[in-house]
Amino acid sequence: MLLCFSIAYIYAQDFSSDIISLPELLYEEGADSFSDEIYQSLQPFKIAGKMSVYLRDESYLLSHLGLEREGIVIRGGLKSGERLCANLQTKFYDRVIIGNFRAELGEGLVFARANAAPRLQNPPHPQSFAPQGIALNLAYKNWSLMAIASGLERDVKLSEGKISSMPKSKREYLSQSKEEIGSAALWYAGDKYHLGALVYQQRYEHSFVKAGQDSLLQVCSFFGRAALGAHKLGLESALQKGRASLKTEWEMKSGIFWQRWRYGYIDKYQRPAYAAQALRLSTLDEREEISVEASVKLVPKLKLDAGTVLCRALGSLTDPDWLSQSSVRLCYRDQDSLLQGSLKLIDRQILTAIDSSYVSSIPLHYRFQIQASQEIKEFWEIAFSARYHYQEKTAAFSSGSWWQHSFGYKNESWKLLLAYTIWNSANYKMIVPSDGDMGYESLGRNAIRIEGKAAYKLAFGKIEASLRQGLKEPYDSSIDLHFSLHK
């Protein structure tokens, strides 16, 4: 029994270390995070690349490349299947980027959220859209300037010549609309803080079906961040059509205790094309949100995390005053073992996009999760992970469960894993973290499968292979092959 309740293999762990995150609300970010991890693994080398072959119903090839020489860095990714998708960038002396890139700034109202000072990031997953053009990141003494000019064809759905839908990923069946973006940010950075402002303009050649969305969008943003000993502060305010939206953050760490408070106020606001999701629990505007997270080490190897998010629509007579998601997690970890349990409570309206057919007077969901692993002998480990999603509906089959048990071996050269996975979610699509290039799986119906993985570390790279075989109809199978080279 003790062996069964031990820590999960790494790819079966929680989707995010953020205690109040939900896989259902974050899965679109999984593919870009996957590419980020690959680029980080390639960075220590002058020449490096990774090629992956995914053999399944719709097979495809995915490759990432990194080259660095005398201040010039080339990074890019390519996905080849039914459609060829690529993102590539060339960086000159950390100051000029040509190609695809991502910008991080402020709290995420205009571009992706930045943990510290604004910066230009690696290109995203090959299938994701990103600004394409030229970007500058210049600095003189304590002053910095970031400027971008981007133009590309975005895949869209058109209805009577107007844009009805604009996905973040590239889709072959959609129409296209020209996207043009120009932006400039200037900030002053001291030893402990930075303060700045940004102007942003976005234009599409087609208008939008949805009222309130403009093909020409202009935004001004004021942002800042400060690190004052145990305290960190962050703020961004964006002005659009004379209306102001705001996001703030306060983080504090003292000894064994850590906490973070966030507040967001989103007025009538059209989200820029590459902004972060403004609110955790909603993609809509005219809302405000408060989130609190805290953690404490009860004893050196035992940690308690807790968090809650409250979100409400402003001026709405039909929506509940506040929607909430709350989480608690208890984790024990030592050198050889880990045991972790978590519980999430979610108001049903938050997940409307996942299951729009649900109607109930008590709209609450529960997510139970337990993970465990134990080193049973040197190099050998047994792991277990399970989730149960309970939804307050009248029919029991509206809930879902997921169970995985694995047995692994690992030394300096070899890494081997054998596992089986069982899930039951006939009327509910469960979003489960995965080591695939999209970062998640969407699981339905009842199924069981066996999984095997093997990885061998070479002096100049790594070879990896994995197999998944379903044991129930339609007996789905997949093989993933990965080849990494570096010098």
Protein backbone atom coordinates (compact mmCIF):
# COMPACT_ATOMS: atom_id res chain seq x y z
CA MET A 1 0.00 0.00 0.00
CA LEU A 2 2.85 2.37 0.83
CA LEU A 3 4.41 1.70 -2.57
CA CYS A 4 1.11 2.45 -4.32
CA PHE A 5 0.89 5.86 -2.66
CA SER A 6 4.23 7.29 -3.83
CA ILE A 7 5.09 10.26 -6.22
CA ALA A 8 4.08 10.46 -9.87
CA TYR A 9 6.39 10.26 -12.82
CA ILE A 10 7.30 13.74 -14.01
CA TYR A 11 4.96 13.94 -16.98
CA ALA A 12 1.97 12.97 -14.82
CA GLN A 13 2.47 15.78 -12.35
CA ASP A 14 0.23 18.79 -11.96
CA PHE A 15 -0.14 20.96 -15.07
CA SER A 16 1.32 23.96 -13.30
CA SER A 17 3.09 24.68 -10.03
CA ASP A 18 0.59 27.48 -9.58
CA ILE A 19 -1.81 26.21 -6.91
CA ILE A 20 -4.84 27.97 -8.39
CA SER A 21 -4.29 27.00 -12.02
CA LEU A 22 -6.71 24.78 -13.91
CA PRO A 23 -5.62 22.67 -16.90
CA GLU A 24 -8.93 23.48 -18.59
CA LEU A 25 -8.10 27.19 -18.51
CA LEU A 26 -4.43 26.93 -19.45
CA TYR A 27 -4.15 24.23 -22.10
CA GLU A 28 -3.65 26.74 -24.95
CA GLU A 29 -0.33 27.77 -23.34
CA GLY A 30 0.98 24.20 -23.25
CA ALA A 31 2.41 24.11 -26.78
CA ASP A 32 4.43 27.32 -26.35
CA SER A 33 5.73 26.13 -22.97
CA PHE A 34 6.82 22.89 -24.65
CA SER A 35 8.87 24.82 -27.24
CA ASP A 36 10.31 27.08 -24.53
CA GLU A 37 11.65 24.07 -22.64
CA ILE A 38 13.32 22.77 -25.79
CA TYR A 39 15.00 26.11 -26.55
CA GLN A 40 16.26 26.31 -22.96
CA SER A 41 17.76 22.83 -23.28
CA LEU A 42 19.53 23.89 -26.51
CA GLN A 43 20.92 27.17 -25.13
CA PRO A 44 24.12 25.81 -23.51
CA PHE A 45 25.38 24.65 -26.92
CA LYS A 46 26.67 26.43 -30.04
CA ILE A 47 24.88 24.03 -32.38
CA ALA A 48 21.91 21.99 -31.20
CA GLY A 49 18.69 20.53 -32.50
CA LYS A 50 15.85 18.18 -31.66
CA MET A 51 13.77 16.21 -34.14
CA SER A 52 10.62 14.35 -33.11
CA VAL A 53 8.56 11.91 -35.15
CA TYR A 54 4.97 11.34 -33.97
CA LEU A 55 3.42 8.23 -35.53
CA ARG A 56 -0.35 8.15 -34.96
CA ASP A 57 -3.61 8.50 -36.90
CA GLU A 58 -2.38 11.84 -38.23
CA SER A 59 1.41 11.50 -38.14
CA TYR A 60 3.67 14.53 -38.15
CA LEU A 61 7.26 15.67 -37.76
CA LEU A 62 8.42 18.35 -35.32
CA SER A 63 11.91 19.86 -35.21
CA HIS A 64 13.63 22.64 -33.25
CA LEU A 65 17.01 24.20 -34.03
CA GLY A 66 19.41 26.46 -32.17
CA LEU A 67 22.61 28.03 -33.56
CA GLU A 68 24.86 30.53 -31.77
CA ARG A 69 28.00 32.19 -33.11
CA GLU A 70 29.72 35.48 -32.23
CA GLY A 71 26.64 37.29 -30.95
CA ILE A 72 24.23 35.91 -33.57
CA VAL A 73 21.61 33.39 -32.43
CA ILE A 74 19.21 31.53 -34.74
CA ARG A 75 16.28 29.63 -33.24
CA GLY A 76 13.29 28.08 -34.91
CA GLY A 77 10.81 25.26 -35.08
CA LEU A 78 9.01 23.45 -37.89
CA LYS A 79 5.98 21.16 -37.82
CA SER A 80 5.23 19.07 -40.89
CA GLY A 81 2.03 17.08 -41.25
CA GLU A 82 -1.15 17.90 -43.13
CA ARG A 83 0.15 21.46 -43.14
CA LEU A 84 3.67 22.88 -42.92
CA CYS A 85 4.03 25.37 -40.02
CA ALA A 86 7.18 27.19 -38.97
CA ASN A 87 8.41 29.97 -36.69
CA LEU A 88 12.00 31.24 -37.01
CA GLN A 89 13.99 34.11 -35.53
CA THR A 90 17.48 35.56 -35.81
CA LYS A 91 18.83 37.58 -32.89
CA PHE A 92 21.78 39.97 -33.21
CA TYR A 93 23.74 40.71 -30.01
CA ASP A 94 20.59 40.45 -27.85
CA ARG A 95 19.40 43.76 -29.34
CA VAL A 96 17.74 43.10 -32.70
CA ILE A 97 15.40 40.26 -33.66
CA ILE A 98 14.20 39.48 -37.18
CA GLY A 99 11.49 36.87 -37.69
CA ASN A 100 8.99 35.51 -35.16
CA PHE A 101 9.19 36.56 -31.54
CA ARG A 102 7.14 37.10 -28.39
CA ALA A 103 7.19 40.12 -26.12
CA GLU A 104 6.83 40.07 -22.31
CA LEU A 105 5.85 43.28 -20.56
CA GLY A 106 4.01 44.37 -17.43
CA GLU A 107 1.15 42.23 -16.14
CA GLY A 108 -0.01 40.94 -19.52
CA LEU A 109 -2.62 43.48 -20.63
CA VAL A 110 -0.91 44.18 -23.98
CA PHE A 111 1.73 41.45 -24.38
CA ALA A 112 2.60 38.32 -22.37
CA ARG A 113 3.16 38.88 -18.68
CA ALA A 114 6.78 39.57 -17.58
CA ASN A 115 8.12 38.25 -14.29
CA ALA A 116 10.71 41.02 -14.24
CA ALA A 117 11.76 43.71 -16.76
CA PRO A 118 10.28 43.67 -20.30
CA ARG A 119 12.04 41.36 -22.74
CA LEU A 120 11.75 39.63 -26.12
CA GLN A 121 11.27 35.87 -25.96
CA ASN A 122 12.00 32.86 -28.19
CA PRO A 123 9.62 32.06 -31.05
CA PRO A 124 6.57 30.05 -29.95
CA HIS A 125 5.52 26.57 -31.01
CA PRO A 126 5.60 26.28 -34.84
CA GLN A 127 1.82 25.98 -34.95
CA SER A 128 1.21 29.13 -32.85
CA PHE A 129 0.89 32.63 -34.25
CA ALA A 130 3.32 35.29 -33.00
CA PRO A 131 4.41 38.75 -34.16
CA GLN A 132 6.52 38.48 -37.31
CA GLY A 133 8.85 41.24 -38.42
CA ILE A 134 11.55 43.18 -36.60
CA ALA A 135 12.00 43.93 -32.89
CA LEU A 136 14.51 46.14 -31.09
CA ASN A 137 15.53 45.94 -27.44
CA LEU A 138 17.98 48.81 -26.86
CA ALA A 139 19.51 50.15 -23.65
CA TYR A 140 21.49 53.22 -22.62
CA LYS A 141 22.54 53.56 -18.98
CA ASN A 142 19.29 53.13 -16.98
CA TRP A 143 16.99 53.67 -19.96
CA SER A 144 15.63 50.94 -22.24
CA LEU A 145 13.56 50.94 -25.41
CA MET A 146 11.60 48.08 -26.97
CA ALA A 147 10.03 48.58 -30.41
CA ILE A 148 8.37 46.08 -32.72
CA ALA A 149 6.89 46.16 -36.22
CA SER A 150 4.97 43.07 -37.32
CA GLY A 151 2.95 42.03 -40.34
CA LEU A 152 1.56 38.59 -41.20
CA GLU A 153 -1.48 36.76 -42.53
CA ARG A 154 -3.64 35.41 -39.68
CA ASP A 155 -5.98 32.46 -40.15
CA VAL A 156 -9.56 33.55 -39.48
CA LYS A 157 -13.14 32.46 -40.06
CA LEU A 158 -15.10 34.96 -42.15
CA SER A 159 -18.84 35.51 -42.05
CA GLU A 160 -20.15 37.80 -44.78
CA GLY A 161 -16.68 39.28 -45.15
CA LYS A 162 -16.21 39.90 -41.41
CA ILE A 163 -14.01 38.08 -38.88
CA SER A 164 -16.11 35.77 -36.69
CA SER A 165 -13.25 33.73 -35.18
CA MET A 166 -9.46 34.10 -34.91
CA PRO A 167 -7.70 31.03 -33.44
CA LYS A 168 -4.27 31.26 -31.85
CA SER A 169 -3.00 28.25 -33.80
CA LYS A 170 -2.61 27.88 -37.55
CA ARG A 171 -5.54 26.14 -39.26
CA GLU A 172 -5.58 25.12 -42.91
CA TYR A 173 -9.33 25.35 -43.49
CA LEU A 174 -9.72 29.00 -42.48
CA SER A 175 -9.58 32.21 -44.49
CA GLN A 176 -6.91 34.83 -43.84
CA SER A 177 -6.73 38.46 -42.81
CA LYS A 178 -3.69 40.74 -42.83
CA GLU A 179 -2.52 41.68 -39.33
CA GLU A 180 -0.25 44.70 -38.73
CA ILE A 181 1.14 45.59 -35.31
CA GLY A 182 3.39 48.42 -34.22
CA SER A 183 4.46 49.11 -30.65
CA ALA A 184 7.09 50.97 -28.65
CA ALA A 185 7.87 50.85 -24.92
CA LEU A 186 10.24 53.08 -22.94
CA TRP A 187 11.20 52.49 -19.31
CA TYR A 188 13.66 53.56 -16.64
CA ALA A 189 15.25 50.81 -14.54
CA GLY A 190 16.94 51.28 -11.19
CA ASP A 191 18.54 48.71 -8.92
CA LYS A 192 15.22 47.66 -7.40
CA TYR A 193 12.52 48.84 -9.77
CA HIS A 194 11.52 49.88 -13.28
CA LEU A 195 8.79 52.22 -14.54
CA GLY A 196 7.69 52.76 -18.12
CA ALA A 197 5.02 53.34 -20.73
CA LEU A 198 3.95 51.68 -23.98
CA VAL A 199 1.97 52.60 -27.09
CA TYR A 200 0.40 49.87 -29.23
CA GLN A 201 -1.51 49.79 -32.51
CA GLN A 202 -3.12 46.79 -34.19
CA ARG A 203 -4.89 46.71 -37.55
CA TYR A 204 -6.75 44.03 -39.58
CA GLU A 205 -7.90 44.35 -43.17
CA HIS A 206 -11.32 42.88 -42.25
CA SER A 207 -13.77 44.16 -39.68
CA PHE A 208 -15.19 41.97 -36.89
CA VAL A 209 -18.65 40.44 -36.60
CA LYS A 210 -18.76 41.01 -32.85
CA ALA A 211 -19.90 44.49 -31.84
CA GLY A 212 -17.29 46.33 -29.81
CA GLN A 213 -14.33 44.74 -31.60
CA ASP A 214 -12.49 47.12 -33.91
CA SER A 215 -10.19 46.26 -36.79
CA LEU A 216 -8.08 49.27 -35.72
CA LEU A 217 -7.07 49.06 -32.06
CA GLN A 218 -4.95 51.54 -30.12
CA VAL A 219 -3.76 51.05 -26.53
CA CYS A 220 -1.54 53.00 -24.13
CA SER A 221 -0.08 51.18 -21.14
CA PHE A 222 1.77 52.27 -18.00
CA PHE A 223 3.69 49.60 -16.10
CA GLY A 224 6.17 49.10 -13.31
CA ARG A 225 7.74 46.54 -11.02
CA ALA A 226 9.70 46.83 -7.77
CA ALA A 227 11.71 44.36 -5.66
CA LEU A 228 11.99 45.66 -2.10
CA GLY A 229 13.60 43.01 0.06
CA ALA A 230 10.94 40.49 1.04
CA HIS A 231 8.33 42.31 -1.06
CA LYS A 232 7.73 42.43 -4.82
CA LEU A 233 5.22 44.75 -6.46
CA GLY A 234 3.90 44.79 -10.01
CA LEU A 235 1.39 47.05 -11.80
CA GLU A 236 0.06 47.74 -15.28
CA SER A 237 -2.75 50.02 -16.41
CA ALA A 238 -3.97 50.05 -20.02
CA LEU A 239 -6.00 52.84 -21.62
CA GLN A 240 -8.27 51.95 -24.54
CA LYS A 241 -10.99 54.24 -25.96
CA GLY A 242 -10.72 56.42 -22.88
CA ARG A 243 -11.33 53.49 -20.49
CA ALA A 244 -8.71 52.18 -18.06
CA SER A 245 -8.06 48.56 -17.07
CA LEU A 246 -5.74 47.60 -14.23
CA LYS A 247 -3.73 44.62 -12.98
CA THR A 248 -1.64 44.67 -9.81
CA GLU A 249 0.36 42.14 -7.82
CA TRP A 250 2.00 42.00 -4.38
CA GLU A 251 4.27 39.09 -3.45
CA MET A 252 5.95 38.56 -0.08
CA LYS A 253 8.31 35.87 1.22
CA SER A 254 9.55 35.68 4.79
CA GLY A 255 11.23 32.57 6.13
CA ILE A 256 8.93 29.58 5.71
CA PHE A 257 5.93 31.67 4.61
CA TRP A 258 5.09 32.98 1.11
CA GLN A 259 2.04 34.81 -0.20
CA ARG A 260 0.87 36.54 -3.39
CA TRP A 261 -2.14 38.81 -3.93
CA ARG A 262 -3.42 39.88 -7.36
CA TYR A 263 -6.18 42.24 -8.41
CA GLY A 264 -7.51 42.79 -11.91
CA TYR A 265 -10.09 45.27 -13.15
CA ILE A 266 -11.00 44.90 -16.83
CA ASP A 267 -13.26 47.61 -18.25
CA LYS A 268 -14.78 47.49 -21.73
CA TYR A 269 -11.55 46.09 -23.17
CA GLN A 270 -10.63 44.49 -26.49
CA ARG A 271 -7.78 42.12 -25.80
CA PRO A 272 -4.72 42.74 -28.03
CA ALA A 273 -3.71 39.85 -30.28
CA TYR A 274 -0.81 38.56 -28.15
CA ALA A 275 -1.80 39.66 -24.65
CA ALA A 276 -2.01 37.24 -21.75
CA GLN A 277 -5.45 36.21 -20.55
CA ALA A 278 -6.37 39.22 -18.44
CA LEU A 279 -8.34 37.26 -15.84
CA ARG A 280 -7.77 33.69 -14.71
CA LEU A 281 -11.43 32.71 -14.58
CA SER A 282 -12.83 34.60 -17.55
CA THR A 283 -11.90 35.69 -21.06
CA LEU A 284 -14.60 38.37 -21.09
CA ASP A 285 -14.35 42.06 -20.25
CA GLU A 286 -16.16 44.31 -17.73
CA ARG A 287 -15.08 42.16 -14.81
CA GLU A 288 -12.91 42.33 -11.73
CA GLU A 289 -10.95 39.56 -10.05
CA ILE A 290 -9.08 38.98 -6.79
CA SER A 291 -6.70 36.07 -6.25
CA VAL A 292 -4.75 35.02 -3.16
CA GLU A 293 -2.09 32.33 -2.88
CA ALA A 294 -0.08 31.29 0.16
CA SER A 295 2.29 28.50 1.18
CA VAL A 296 4.02 27.52 4.39
CA LYS A 297 6.54 24.82 5.29
CA LEU A 298 4.96 23.06 8.24
CA VAL A 299 8.14 21.02 8.78
CA PRO A 300 11.27 20.92 6.59
CA LYS A 301 9.82 18.27 4.23
CA LEU A 302 6.11 19.06 4.47
CA LYS A 303 4.57 22.01 2.61
CA LEU A 304 1.00 23.34 2.59
CA ASP A 305 -0.29 25.47 -0.32
CA ALA A 306 -3.67 27.17 -0.56
CA GLY A 307 -5.27 29.69 -2.90
CA THR A 308 -8.53 31.17 -4.09
CA VAL A 309 -9.74 33.30 -7.00
CA LEU A 310 -12.90 35.43 -6.96
CA CYS A 311 -14.26 36.90 -10.19
CA ARG A 312 -17.44 38.87 -10.90
CA ALA A 313 -19.10 40.63 -13.81
CA LEU A 314 -19.55 44.38 -13.40
CA GLY A 315 -23.10 45.66 -13.69
CA SER A 316 -24.62 42.27 -14.55
CA LEU A 317 -28.03 41.36 -13.14
CA THR A 318 -28.02 37.76 -14.42
CA ASP A 319 -24.54 36.47 -13.47
CA PRO A 320 -23.78 35.53 -9.84
CA ASP A 321 -22.08 38.27 -7.83
CA TRP A 322 -18.87 36.27 -7.50
CA LEU A 323 -17.56 33.10 -9.14
CA SER A 324 -14.74 31.32 -7.37
CA GLN A 325 -12.11 28.65 -7.61
CA SER A 326 -10.31 27.48 -4.48
CA SER A 327 -7.45 25.04 -4.02
CA VAL A 328 -5.49 23.37 -1.25
CA ARG A 329 -2.45 21.11 -1.64
CA LEU A 330 -0.32 19.21 0.87
CA CYS A 331 3.06 17.92 -0.26
CA TYR A 332 5.71 15.78 1.44
CA ARG A 333 9.04 15.43 -0.33
CA ASP A 334 12.39 13.97 0.62
CA GLN A 335 15.36 12.61 -1.31
CA ASP A 336 13.71 9.30 -2.22
CA SER A 337 9.96 9.88 -2.14
CA LEU A 338 7.11 12.29 -2.63
CA LEU A 339 3.46 12.22 -1.59
CA GLN A 340 1.10 14.99 -2.68
CA GLY A 341 -2.65 15.47 -2.47
CA SER A 342 -4.75 18.37 -3.74
CA LEU A 343 -8.37 19.47 -3.86
CA LYS A 344 -9.93 22.12 -6.11
CA LEU A 345 -13.46 23.55 -5.86
CA ILE A 346 -14.74 25.35 -8.95
CA ASP A 347 -17.97 27.22 -9.64
CA ARG A 348 -19.59 25.62 -12.69
CA GLN A 349 -20.01 28.81 -14.72
CA ILE A 350 -16.23 29.12 -15.00
CA LEU A 351 -16.08 25.99 -17.17
CA THR A 352 -18.97 26.80 -19.50
CA ALA A 353 -16.73 26.58 -22.56
CA ILE A 354 -15.76 23.02 -21.60
CA ASP A 355 -19.28 21.66 -21.14
CA SER A 356 -21.98 24.11 -22.22
CA SER A 357 -24.79 21.55 -21.81
CA TYR A 358 -24.68 21.66 -18.03
CA VAL A 359 -27.56 23.20 -16.05
CA SER A 360 -27.83 23.00 -12.25
CA SER A 361 -28.93 25.06 -9.30
CA ILE A 362 -25.83 24.01 -7.36
CA PRO A 363 -23.06 24.63 -9.91
CA LEU A 364 -19.93 23.33 -8.23
CA HIS A 365 -17.15 21.02 -9.43
CA TYR A 366 -14.52 19.18 -7.42
CA ARG A 367 -11.09 18.02 -8.54
CA PHE A 368 -9.30 15.48 -6.35
CA GLN A 369 -5.73 14.53 -7.16
CA ILE A 370 -3.08 12.40 -5.50
CA GLN A 371 0.47 11.76 -6.67
CA ALA A 372 3.16 9.61 -5.15
CA SER A 373 6.52 8.01 -5.94
CA GLN A 374 9.07 6.02 -4.07
CA GLU A 375 12.59 4.87 -4.85
CA ILE A 376 12.35 1.18 -3.95
CA LYS A 377 15.98 0.43 -4.75
CA GLU A 378 18.90 2.38 -6.18
CA PHE A 379 17.92 3.51 -9.72
CA TRP A 380 14.42 1.95 -9.42
CA GLU A 381 11.22 3.90 -8.76
CA ILE A 382 7.51 3.15 -8.54
CA ALA A 383 5.01 5.92 -9.20
CA PHE A 384 1.30 6.53 -8.93
CA SER A 385 -1.04 9.35 -9.89
CA ALA A 386 -4.83 9.61 -9.83
CA ARG A 387 -7.47 12.27 -10.44
CA TYR A 388 -11.22 12.35 -9.90
CA HIS A 389 -13.47 15.08 -11.32
CA TYR A 390 -16.85 15.24 -9.60
CA GLN A 391 -19.54 17.41 -11.16
CA GLU A 392 -22.81 18.12 -9.43
CA LYS A 393 -25.15 16.75 -12.04
CA THR A 394 -27.98 14.26 -11.74
CA ALA A 395 -26.21 11.59 -13.82
CA ALA A 396 -23.13 9.92 -12.37
CA PHE A 397 -21.47 9.41 -15.77
CA SER A 398 -20.93 13.18 -15.98
CA SER A 399 -17.93 12.82 -13.67
CA GLY A 400 -14.50 11.62 -14.72
CA SER A 401 -11.52 9.74 -13.30
CA TRP A 402 -7.92 9.19 -14.38
CA TRP A 403 -5.41 6.70 -12.93
CA GLN A 404 -1.79 5.98 -13.81
CA HIS A 405 0.71 3.56 -12.29
CA SER A 406 4.31 3.31 -13.48
CA PHE A 407 7.55 1.51 -12.79
CA GLY A 408 10.82 3.13 -13.83
CA TYR A 409 14.60 2.73 -13.95
CA LYS A 410 17.08 5.58 -14.27
CA ASN A 411 20.87 5.89 -14.23
CA GLU A 412 23.39 8.27 -15.82
CA SER A 413 22.81 6.87 -19.32
CA TRP A 414 19.45 5.09 -19.36
CA LYS A 415 15.89 6.04 -18.45
CA LEU A 416 13.15 3.40 -18.75
CA LEU A 417 9.46 3.47 -17.85
CA LEU A 418 6.56 1.04 -18.04
CA ALA A 419 3.07 2.26 -17.11
CA TYR A 420 -0.63 1.67 -17.51
CA THR A 421 -3.31 4.36 -17.57
CA ILE A 422 -7.06 4.03 -17.02
CA TRP A 423 -9.65 6.79 -17.46
CA ASN A 424 -13.39 7.08 -17.36
CA SER A 425 -14.94 10.27 -18.76
CA ALA A 426 -17.67 9.20 -21.16
CA ASN A 427 -19.55 12.50 -21.10
CA TYR A 428 -16.75 14.86 -20.11
CA LYS A 429 -13.53 15.88 -21.86
CA MET A 430 -10.79 15.78 -19.25
CA ILE A 431 -7.74 17.95 -19.98
CA VAL A 432 -4.74 16.00 -18.71
CA PRO A 433 -1.07 17.09 -18.82
CA SER A 434 1.00 15.22 -21.38
CA ASP A 435 4.61 15.15 -22.59
CA GLY A 436 3.42 15.60 -26.19
CA ASP A 437 4.18 18.78 -28.13
CA MET A 438 0.79 20.37 -27.29
CA GLY A 439 1.38 19.90 -23.56
CA TYR A 440 -1.97 18.26 -22.86
CA GLU A 441 -4.38 15.48 -23.83
CA SER A 442 -8.15 15.74 -24.11
CA LEU A 443 -9.56 12.42 -22.88
CA GLY A 444 -13.08 11.09 -23.32
CA ARG A 445 -14.98 7.77 -22.99
CA ASN A 446 -13.71 4.76 -20.99
CA ALA A 447 -10.32 3.41 -21.93
CA ILE A 448 -7.17 1.69 -20.74
CA ARG A 449 -3.73 1.74 -22.29
CA ILE A 450 -0.19 0.61 -21.61
CA GLU A 451 2.78 2.94 -22.06
CA GLY A 452 6.48 2.38 -22.44
CA LYS A 453 9.32 4.90 -22.60
CA ALA A 454 13.05 4.61 -23.14
CA ALA A 455 15.77 7.25 -23.31
CA TYR A 456 19.52 6.87 -23.82
CA LYS A 457 21.96 9.72 -23.24
CA LEU A 458 24.80 10.05 -25.74
CA ALA A 459 27.96 12.12 -25.50
CA PHE A 460 26.56 14.42 -28.20
CA GLY A 461 22.79 14.14 -27.58
CA LYS A 462 19.93 11.85 -26.60
CA ILE A 463 17.65 9.25 -28.19
CA GLU A 464 14.14 8.77 -26.81
CA ALA A 465 11.20 6.57 -27.77
CA SER A 466 7.74 6.04 -26.35
CA LEU A 467 4.83 3.75 -27.17
CA ARG A 468 1.17 4.01 -26.18
CA GLN A 469 -1.23 1.19 -26.98
CA GLY A 470 -4.94 1.23 -26.22
CA LEU A 471 -6.41 -2.03 -24.92
CA LYS A 472 -10.03 -1.22 -25.75
CA GLU A 473 -11.68 -0.32 -29.04
CA PRO A 474 -10.70 1.47 -31.21
CA TYR A 475 -7.26 0.29 -29.94
CA ASP A 476 -5.51 3.60 -30.55
CA SER A 477 -1.73 3.39 -30.74
CA SER A 478 1.06 5.93 -31.09
CA ILE A 479 4.84 5.91 -31.28
CA ASP A 480 6.98 8.98 -30.53
CA LEU A 481 10.66 9.13 -31.50
CA HIS A 482 12.96 11.95 -30.40
CA PHE A 483 16.54 12.65 -31.52
CA SER A 484 18.57 15.42 -29.84
CA LEU A 485 22.01 16.48 -31.06
CA HIS A 486 24.32 19.18 -29.72
CA LYS A 487 27.89 20.43 -29.92
